Each structure stands twice: as structure tokens, then as C-alpha cells.
Protein backbone atom coordinates (compact mmCIF):
# COMPACT_ATOMS: atom_id res chain seq x y z
CA MET A 1 92.46 106.34 80.46
CA ARG A 2 93.66 109.42 82.33
CA ARG A 3 91.82 110.37 85.53
CA ARG A 4 91.96 113.77 87.19
CA THR A 5 93.53 113.59 90.65
CA SER A 6 93.55 117.07 92.17
CA GLU A 7 90.73 119.22 90.80
CA PRO A 8 87.35 118.94 92.54
CA LYS A 9 84.51 117.37 90.57
CA THR A 10 81.90 119.73 89.21
CA ALA A 11 78.41 118.43 88.49
CA CYS A 12 77.89 120.48 85.37
CA ALA A 13 75.32 117.97 84.13
CA ALA A 14 73.19 118.77 87.18
CA ALA A 15 72.46 122.16 85.66
CA ALA A 16 70.62 120.45 82.81
CA SER A 17 67.24 119.75 84.45
CA ARG A 18 64.45 117.64 83.04
CA LEU A 19 63.00 119.20 79.90
CA GLY A 20 60.60 122.10 80.31
CA LEU A 21 58.99 123.25 77.08
CA ALA A 22 58.52 126.87 78.10
CA ALA A 23 60.12 129.50 75.91
CA ALA A 24 62.69 130.26 78.59
CA VAL A 25 64.43 127.00 77.73
CA PHE A 26 65.53 128.50 74.46
CA ALA A 27 67.03 131.63 75.96
CA LEU A 28 70.13 129.59 76.76
CA ALA A 29 73.19 130.52 74.72
CA ILE A 30 74.17 128.21 71.89
CA VAL A 31 77.51 126.57 72.64
CA ALA A 32 80.05 127.18 69.90
CA SER A 33 82.23 124.44 68.44
CA SER A 34 85.73 124.51 69.95
CA ALA A 35 88.36 122.49 71.72
CA LEU A 36 88.20 122.34 75.50
CA THR A 37 88.92 125.48 77.45
CA ALA A 38 91.17 125.19 80.49
CA GLN A 39 88.12 125.29 82.76
CA GLU A 40 86.37 122.54 80.80
CA ALA A 41 89.49 120.39 80.86
CA ALA A 42 89.66 120.80 84.62
CA GLU A 43 86.11 119.49 84.90
CA CYS A 44 87.02 116.14 83.32
CA ALA A 45 86.76 113.39 85.91
CA VAL A 46 88.35 111.06 83.36
CA THR A 47 89.66 111.32 79.81
CA VAL A 48 89.12 108.30 77.56
CA GLN A 49 91.74 107.72 74.87
CA PRO A 50 91.31 105.78 71.59
CA GLY A 51 91.40 102.04 72.28
CA GLU A 52 89.97 102.49 75.78
CA SER A 53 86.37 101.74 76.81
CA ILE A 54 83.83 104.54 77.21
CA GLN A 55 81.43 102.07 78.86
CA GLU A 56 83.98 101.27 81.55
CA ALA A 57 84.39 104.99 82.24
CA ILE A 58 80.61 105.40 82.45
CA ASP A 59 80.26 102.48 84.85
CA ALA A 60 82.98 103.90 87.12
CA ALA A 61 81.68 107.49 87.04
CA ALA A 62 79.73 109.10 89.85
CA ALA A 63 76.50 110.96 89.15
CA GLY A 64 77.35 114.36 87.71
CA ASP A 65 80.81 113.42 86.47
CA VAL A 66 82.15 114.74 83.18
CA ILE A 67 83.72 112.08 80.98
CA CYS A 68 85.96 113.60 78.32
CA ILE A 69 86.66 111.74 75.09
CA ALA A 70 89.85 112.32 73.13
CA ALA A 71 89.67 112.67 69.34
CA GLY A 72 89.10 109.38 67.55
CA THR A 73 86.49 106.78 66.67
CA TYR A 74 85.08 104.52 69.39
CA GLN A 75 83.15 101.41 68.40
CA GLU A 76 81.00 100.11 71.20
CA VAL A 77 77.43 99.83 72.49
CA LEU A 78 76.69 102.06 75.50
CA VAL A 79 74.08 101.64 78.24
CA ILE A 80 73.75 104.62 80.62
CA THR A 81 71.65 104.58 83.80
CA HIS A 82 72.79 107.67 85.72
CA GLU A 83 73.44 111.36 85.13
CA ILE A 84 76.74 112.13 83.43
CA THR A 85 78.20 114.38 80.75
CA VAL A 86 80.11 112.91 77.81
CA ARG A 87 82.23 115.64 76.21
CA GLY A 88 84.25 115.44 73.02
CA THR A 89 87.59 117.23 73.17
CA GLY A 90 88.07 117.78 69.42
CA GLU A 91 87.85 121.01 67.48
CA THR A 92 84.50 119.93 65.99
CA PRO A 93 81.89 117.24 66.74
CA ALA A 94 83.24 115.19 63.81
CA ASP A 95 86.58 114.73 65.61
CA VAL A 96 85.04 112.38 68.20
CA GLU A 97 82.70 109.65 66.95
CA ILE A 98 80.96 107.03 69.06
CA LYS A 99 79.85 104.34 66.66
CA GLY A 100 77.47 101.53 67.54
CA THR A 101 78.31 97.95 66.61
CA SER A 102 75.17 95.90 67.24
CA ARG A 103 72.57 94.62 64.78
CA THR A 104 70.01 94.04 67.55
CA GLU A 105 70.59 96.80 70.13
CA PRO A 106 70.66 100.60 69.93
CA GLY A 107 74.09 102.16 69.78
CA ILE A 108 73.23 104.09 72.98
CA THR A 109 70.49 103.22 75.48
CA ILE A 110 69.62 105.66 78.26
CA THR A 111 67.23 104.29 80.86
CA ASN A 112 66.44 104.29 84.57
CA PRO A 113 68.24 101.76 86.70
CA GLU A 114 66.07 98.84 87.74
CA GLY A 115 63.58 99.78 90.41
CA SER A 116 63.97 103.56 89.95
CA GLU A 117 61.68 106.13 88.34
CA GLU A 118 63.79 109.16 89.32
CA PRO A 119 64.31 111.47 86.30
CA PHE A 120 67.89 112.13 85.19
CA SER A 121 69.62 113.39 82.05
CA VAL A 122 72.70 112.38 80.09
CA THR A 123 74.51 115.16 78.24
CA PHE A 124 76.56 114.77 75.06
CA GLU A 125 78.66 117.77 74.01
CA ASN A 126 80.77 118.39 70.91
CA ILE A 127 80.47 114.80 69.73
CA THR A 128 79.18 112.61 66.88
CA LEU A 129 76.90 109.67 67.64
CA SER A 130 76.44 107.26 64.77
CA ASN A 131 75.32 103.74 64.05
CA ARG A 132 76.89 103.05 60.69
CA TYR A 133 77.45 99.66 59.10
CA PRO A 134 78.01 96.97 60.36
CA ALA A 135 75.52 98.15 63.00
CA LYS A 136 71.96 97.81 61.69
CA PHE A 137 69.82 99.09 64.54
CA HIS A 138 68.63 102.31 66.14
CA GLY A 139 71.17 104.98 67.04
CA ILE A 140 69.87 106.24 70.40
CA GLU A 141 66.93 105.03 72.51
CA VAL A 142 65.80 106.88 75.64
CA LEU A 143 63.34 105.14 77.99
CA GLY A 144 61.48 105.60 81.26
CA THR A 145 61.94 109.03 82.81
CA ALA A 146 65.48 109.42 81.48
CA GLY A 147 66.52 112.36 79.34
CA ILE A 148 69.13 113.21 76.75
CA ILE A 149 70.74 116.62 76.21
CA LEU A 150 72.62 117.15 72.96
CA THR A 151 74.69 120.31 72.55
CA ASN A 152 76.83 120.98 69.48
CA ALA A 153 76.46 117.33 68.49
CA GLN A 154 75.67 115.15 65.48
CA VAL A 155 73.40 112.12 65.26
CA ILE A 156 74.04 110.54 61.88
CA GLY A 157 74.09 107.36 59.88
CA SER A 158 71.69 105.05 61.73
CA MET A 159 70.39 102.06 59.82
CA ARG A 160 67.00 102.43 61.53
CA TYR A 161 65.80 105.30 63.75
CA GLY A 162 68.47 107.82 64.65
CA LEU A 163 66.68 108.78 67.89
CA ILE A 164 63.80 107.13 69.75
CA LEU A 165 62.08 108.61 72.80
CA ARG A 166 59.61 106.39 74.63
CA ASP A 167 57.62 106.41 77.88
CA SER A 168 58.08 109.79 79.66
CA SER A 169 61.60 110.41 78.39
CA THR A 170 62.85 113.79 77.22
CA ALA A 171 65.29 115.29 74.76
CA LYS A 172 66.69 118.81 74.73
CA ILE A 173 68.71 119.35 71.55
CA THR A 174 70.53 122.60 70.79
CA SER A 175 72.87 123.61 67.99
CA SER A 176 73.01 120.06 66.67
CA THR A 177 72.47 118.08 63.47
CA ILE A 178 70.37 114.96 63.00
CA SER A 179 70.51 113.42 59.54
CA ASP A 180 71.18 110.40 57.37
CA SER A 181 69.12 107.90 59.38
CA LYS A 182 66.94 105.48 57.47
CA ASN A 183 63.82 105.96 59.63
CA GLY A 184 64.47 109.37 61.18
CA LEU A 185 63.10 110.14 64.66
CA LEU A 186 60.38 108.42 66.69
CA ILE A 187 58.86 110.29 69.64
CA GLU A 188 56.00 108.46 71.31
CA ASP A 189 54.04 107.71 74.48
CA ALA A 190 54.38 110.77 76.79
CA ALA A 191 57.86 111.76 75.60
CA GLU A 192 58.84 115.39 74.98
CA ALA A 193 61.51 116.85 72.72
CA SER A 194 62.78 120.36 72.02
CA PHE A 195 65.02 121.56 69.21
CA ALA A 196 66.72 124.98 69.18
CA GLY A 197 69.16 126.11 66.51
CA CYS A 198 69.21 122.61 65.01
CA SER A 199 69.34 121.04 61.57
CA VAL A 200 67.16 118.01 60.88
CA VAL A 201 67.27 117.44 57.13
CA LYS A 202 66.16 114.73 54.69
CA SER A 203 64.55 112.86 57.51
CA GLU A 204 61.23 111.76 58.98
CA VAL A 205 59.76 112.65 62.37
CA LEU A 206 56.96 110.56 63.87
CA VAL A 207 55.14 112.00 66.90
CA LYS A 208 52.74 109.53 68.52
CA GLY A 209 50.71 108.92 71.66
CA SER A 210 50.61 112.08 73.78
CA ALA A 211 54.15 113.09 72.80
CA TYR A 212 55.03 116.72 72.17
CA VAL A 213 57.75 118.37 70.07
CA GLN A 214 58.84 122.02 70.09
CA ILE A 215 61.04 123.47 67.35
CA VAL A 216 62.64 126.92 67.56
CA ASP A 217 64.94 128.64 65.04
CA SER A 218 65.74 125.34 63.32
CA ASP A 219 65.98 123.92 59.82
CA PHE A 220 63.75 120.89 59.18
CA SER A 221 64.05 121.03 55.38
CA ALA A 222 63.12 118.03 53.23
CA THR A 223 61.75 116.36 56.34
CA SER A 224 58.31 114.80 56.65
CA VAL A 225 56.55 115.15 59.99
CA ASP A 226 53.62 112.95 61.07
CA VAL A 227 51.72 114.13 64.15
CA TYR A 228 49.27 111.44 65.23
CA ALA A 229 46.01 112.00 67.09
CA GLY A 230 46.71 112.99 70.70
CA ALA A 231 50.23 114.24 69.92
CA GLY A 232 51.37 117.80 69.26
CA ILE A 233 54.00 119.95 67.60
CA SER A 234 54.97 123.61 67.85
CA ALA A 235 57.40 125.39 65.51
CA ILE A 236 58.64 128.98 65.82
CA GLU A 237 60.81 130.89 63.32
CA SER A 238 61.86 127.69 61.59
CA THR A 239 62.43 126.52 58.02
CA LEU A 240 60.11 123.66 57.09
CA ASP A 241 60.69 123.79 53.33
CA ARG A 242 60.39 120.86 50.88
CA GLY A 243 58.62 118.68 53.42
CA THR A 244 55.11 117.56 54.30
CA HIS A 245 53.44 117.82 57.69
CA ARG A 246 50.59 115.35 58.18
CA VAL A 247 48.62 116.30 61.27
CA SER A 248 45.93 114.37 63.11
CA GLY A 249 46.81 115.92 66.49
CA THR A 250 47.66 119.55 67.22
CA ALA A 251 50.09 121.79 65.35
CA ASP A 252 51.06 125.41 66.01
CA TYR A 253 53.35 127.16 63.51
CA THR A 254 54.56 130.74 64.04
CA ASP A 255 56.75 132.67 61.58
CA CYS A 256 57.71 129.50 59.72
CA SER A 257 58.56 128.90 56.07
CA PHE A 258 56.88 126.20 53.96
CA GLN A 259 58.37 126.55 50.48
CA TYR A 260 59.37 124.53 47.40
CA GLY A 261 57.45 121.39 48.34
CA GLY A 262 56.01 118.98 45.80
CA GLY A 263 52.43 119.08 47.12
CA ASN A 264 50.54 120.25 50.17
CA SER A 265 52.86 121.44 52.92
CA VAL A 266 50.34 120.82 55.71
CA ASN A 267 47.67 118.10 55.54
CA CYS A 268 45.20 118.07 58.43
CA ASN A 269 42.76 115.21 58.88
CA ALA A 270 40.65 113.42 61.47
CA SER A 271 40.20 115.90 64.36
CA ALA A 272 43.40 117.88 63.82
CA ARG A 273 43.82 121.34 65.33
CA LEU A 274 46.02 123.71 63.34
CA THR A 275 47.20 127.23 64.13
CA MET A 276 49.38 129.18 61.67
CA THR A 277 50.56 132.72 62.35
CA GLY A 278 52.90 134.80 60.19
CA CYS A 279 53.95 131.89 57.98
CA ASN A 280 55.13 131.91 54.35
CA VAL A 281 53.63 129.16 52.17
CA SER A 282 55.08 129.71 48.70
CA HIS A 283 56.39 128.03 45.52
CA ASN A 284 54.84 124.66 46.34
CA GLY A 285 53.06 122.09 44.20
CA ARG A 286 55.48 121.18 41.43
CA GLY A 287 53.81 118.58 39.25
CA HIS A 288 50.44 118.95 40.99
CA ASP A 289 47.29 120.29 39.33
CA TYR A 290 45.76 121.22 42.65
CA GLY A 291 46.79 121.29 46.29
CA SER A 292 49.93 123.20 47.09
CA GLY A 293 49.64 124.64 50.57
CA VAL A 294 47.24 123.69 53.37
CA ARG A 295 44.57 121.01 53.04
CA LEU A 296 41.92 120.56 55.71
CA GLU A 297 39.73 117.47 55.77
CA GLY A 298 37.80 115.29 58.20
CA ASN A 299 36.74 117.27 61.28
CA SER A 300 39.92 119.31 61.36
CA GLN A 301 39.88 122.90 62.60
CA ALA A 302 42.31 125.63 61.60
CA VAL A 303 43.00 129.22 62.57
CA ILE A 304 45.29 130.99 60.08
CA ASP A 305 46.39 134.59 60.63
CA SER A 306 48.76 137.00 58.87
CA CYS A 307 50.20 134.38 56.51
CA VAL A 308 51.32 134.65 52.87
CA PHE A 309 50.29 132.04 50.29
CA ALA A 310 52.02 133.00 47.04
CA ASP A 311 53.33 131.62 43.76
CA ASN A 312 52.10 128.09 44.33
CA ALA A 313 51.42 125.76 41.40
CA GLY A 314 47.86 125.03 42.54
CA THR A 315 45.26 126.20 45.03
CA PRO A 316 47.03 126.86 48.36
CA VAL A 317 44.06 126.56 50.75
CA TRP A 318 41.77 123.55 50.35
CA LEU A 319 38.74 122.59 52.46
CA MET A 320 37.14 119.14 52.41
CA GLU A 321 34.54 117.19 54.35
CA ASN A 322 33.63 118.85 57.69
CA ALA A 323 36.70 121.01 58.10
CA THR A 324 36.47 124.43 59.76
CA LEU A 325 38.67 127.41 58.88
CA HIS A 326 38.96 130.87 60.38
CA ILE A 327 41.35 132.95 58.28
CA THR A 328 42.33 136.59 58.87
CA ASP A 329 44.70 139.17 57.40
CA CYS A 330 46.33 136.79 54.93
CA SER A 331 47.67 137.56 51.45
CA ILE A 332 46.88 134.88 48.85
CA LEU A 333 48.63 135.98 45.66
CA ARG A 334 49.76 134.80 42.22
CA ASN A 335 48.81 131.17 42.68
CA ASP A 336 48.16 129.11 39.55
CA GLY A 337 44.90 127.78 40.97
CA LEU A 338 42.28 129.57 43.04
CA GLY A 339 43.06 131.40 46.25
CA ILE A 340 40.78 129.30 48.47
CA ALA A 341 38.61 126.40 47.34
CA GLY A 342 36.08 124.07 48.83
CA PHE A 343 36.06 120.54 47.49
CA LEU A 344 32.67 120.82 45.82
CA GLU A 345 31.34 119.57 42.52
CA GLU A 346 30.59 123.11 41.38
CA CYS A 347 34.30 123.96 41.77
CA GLY A 348 35.67 120.80 40.20
CA ASP A 349 36.13 122.06 36.65
CA ILE A 350 37.88 125.17 37.96
CA VAL A 351 40.32 123.79 40.48
CA VAL A 352 41.28 120.66 38.55
CA PRO A 353 42.10 121.33 34.89
CA GLY A 354 39.99 119.04 32.72
CA GLY A 355 37.55 118.35 35.56
CA VAL A 356 37.21 115.40 37.90
CA SER A 357 34.78 112.52 38.13
CA ASP A 358 31.68 112.96 40.28
CA ASP A 359 32.54 109.98 42.48
CA LEU A 360 35.65 111.80 43.71
CA PHE A 361 33.36 114.09 45.73
CA VAL A 362 31.46 111.27 47.45
CA GLY A 363 32.42 111.32 51.12
CA SER A 364 34.86 114.18 50.66
CA ALA A 365 32.72 117.12 49.48
CA PHE A 366 33.08 120.17 51.71
CA GLY A 367 30.30 120.55 54.27
CA GLY A 368 32.13 122.50 56.95
CA ARG A 369 32.48 126.20 57.64
CA ILE A 370 34.75 129.10 56.71
CA SER A 371 34.95 132.49 58.41
CA GLY A 372 37.34 135.41 58.65
CA SER A 373 38.11 138.88 57.35
CA GLY A 374 40.82 141.18 56.05
CA ASN A 375 42.23 138.72 53.52
CA THR A 376 43.68 139.84 50.19
CA ILE A 377 42.65 137.32 47.51
CA PRO A 378 42.74 138.94 44.06
CA GLY A 379 41.11 137.42 40.99
CA PRO A 380 42.82 136.86 37.62
CA ASP A 381 42.09 140.40 36.37
CA GLU A 382 43.56 142.08 39.44
CA GLU A 383 47.13 142.85 40.39
CA ASP A 384 48.89 139.76 41.78
CA GLY A 385 45.79 137.82 40.87
CA ASN A 386 45.28 134.08 41.23
CA THR A 387 45.11 132.44 37.82
CA LEU A 388 41.81 130.52 38.16
CA GLY A 389 39.99 132.99 40.36
CA ASP A 390 39.81 134.25 43.91
CA VAL A 391 37.60 131.68 45.66
CA CYS A 392 35.13 128.90 44.98
CA PRO A 393 32.30 128.70 45.89
CA ASP A 394 31.10 132.31 45.83
CA SER A 395 30.11 132.15 49.49
CA PHE A 396 33.82 132.09 50.41
CA ARG A 397 34.11 135.75 49.34
CA SER A 398 32.89 136.73 52.79
CA VAL A 399 36.47 136.33 54.05
CA LYS A 400 37.90 138.88 51.63
CA ASP A 401 38.51 142.57 52.39
């Protein structure tokens, strides 16, 4: 373990404050993958070499220290209770891997020291955090008022959750990849997480309690997202293809893509609140006779503006039970079903080829409200028409141009 002796310490981690979810957070530059610059090397309070203990370096570090990790694989369980930066010195994040070893403890635990509720953050830069076999537990767990900052990092290969945020903890993740974890991500209680320029693929994200997640300019393809009642999610200019978002809380999507999914991209139930602006919902519903875009049920409420619903295998906008929809300036084109449909017996033979049994409508028939204007929803005889018709029932035509 090599320790710097002459250069003054710099508390670069102190610049990473507790997560704020305002848009200004994402104006920060994305850090490119590279080996250490001379300035970064000078900031290293200690450099850990393969075969040496990262935990020992953490325990000896002062708040704000930068611990640099030489290229290699490090197998140990880490517990961190004060603000530090852990920086990989390889050319890419894959060059430095911290790999958990426990079957009963997270690979990395970040939590307040006993008796303290003072917020602090731990930063990981240019590094891979994994929990591969023989470890069989969560990858990273953040508790209390602690926070994690991941920059140009990878979280991969956890046998359970790759990342858990509990209590009032926070995560700020930029230019990083999270993948290949059996249970994905769990964000609950009053925790908050932000993703900017990230890739979270073939995963699952659970948002519970009063937790909140913000996604900006990121790829969440083939990832299912469950937003429970009381929790919220916001996504801006992000790719959400080939996944399903199940919302009982609040969801706000702006300029996002929902394409190539097997069924409904967004399912809202209970008392969900959905806002969609400028989104593309297309080419969904493979293998489904109906339902290939947005489904509203329960007492959910949705406001959809300036979105495109096109080339879906079924009806892209479904209303059930007591749902409420206000839809404006949308283009609903070339779908194999209707443009918009209420789940009503009179529409059953149209929206579901071959018809459906009457008992399917019991307790789920649409009794809510639809409003809006300026929507382009052509019928089968019009250009870019929807195969089974524009809307059902006829009263829905009030939302067309």
C-alpha cells in the first residue's frame, strides 16, 4: 500500500453533496473513461495494490480522502461509514473490480456510524463493483442518511439485488452501467436516486414507500419498473424500450421511447398519476390481441400530450374501470387494433378478435372519463388508419381533431 507523503490532501468527495433532484444536477459533465491524470494521481491519499486490503485503507482514511485502487481484482466485503472517494486507476472500469465474498452480507455497505444521522456520500469512480459467485447476496446496500455517488462505474453480477437504497439514503449515478443482477434495484422508504447518461438493461427496478427516482438521458431497455403507491419516477429523454412500467404511484415521462415491448408499456392502476409528454410508443404488443401501449385502470389519472402511438400490434390506449384520461395533440396511427378503446361490452368484439366473455367486463368495465382535443386518430379507410377503427365507444370521438 503506497501512501502519498508530500502532496496536500484534497477533499474532492466534499464537492459531491447530498442528492438534489433538480435538473441542475444533470448539468454536470460526464467523466470520460481514462487512466489517472497527474492531478488525480496527486490527490491519492493512498494507493492500494493487489493483495492489499481496501477495507484497511478505508478505516485509516480521513473524511474526504481519495483512495486509489491499482488495476486488479479485490475480493472482500466493505463497510464504509464516512465520506471518501474510491478511485480505480485503470484505463476502464473493468480494470479494477471489487468483488464481494459473503453469502449473508452485501458486498458493500454504506451507513452512518453509530449514533450519527449526519448525511455523507461515498464516491466510486472508474471502477467495477460486483458480487459474483461464491458471493450470493446483495451487491451494494446504502442505509440511513448515507449516499453513494457512482461515476464511470459498473455494478454487475449480483446474486440478489445489485443496489439497495433504504431509509433516507441517496444515489447519484452518472455515466455508469448496472446490469446482470438477479433482482435488479430496490429503492424504498424515503430514498432518492438519480441516473444520468446511464445504462440499466435486462433488469428490474422496484420503487417503494415514498422513494423517488429520476432518469435523464439513459437507457433502461428490457427493464421492468414497478412504482408502488406513494412512490414516484421521472424520466426525461430516455430509452425505455422492451420493458414494462407498472405504476401505482406517480410517473412523469418526457421525450421517452417505449418501443418493441411484448405488451403494454405502461400499466397504471390503483390511484396512479401519469404524465406523458412527447413520447414515442410504437411497435409494441407482439403476440397480444389487444393492449400494446398505455393501460389505465382503477382510479388512475393520466395526462398525455404530443405523443405518438404507432404501429402497435393492438390498441395502444386502453381505459378501464374509473380511469381518467386527458389527451391532446397526439398522433395515433397504423395500429392493428383501435386507436383508443374503453373496456366496454359494446367494444369487446372489436378490440378482441373473436370476442370476449361477458364476465370479463364485470368489475373492470370503463366508467371513468376521457377528454382532450387535437388528436389525430384515423379510421381504417383513412391514411395511416388504425385497422379496427378510430375509437370505441363513439363518445370518444370528442377528442379527435
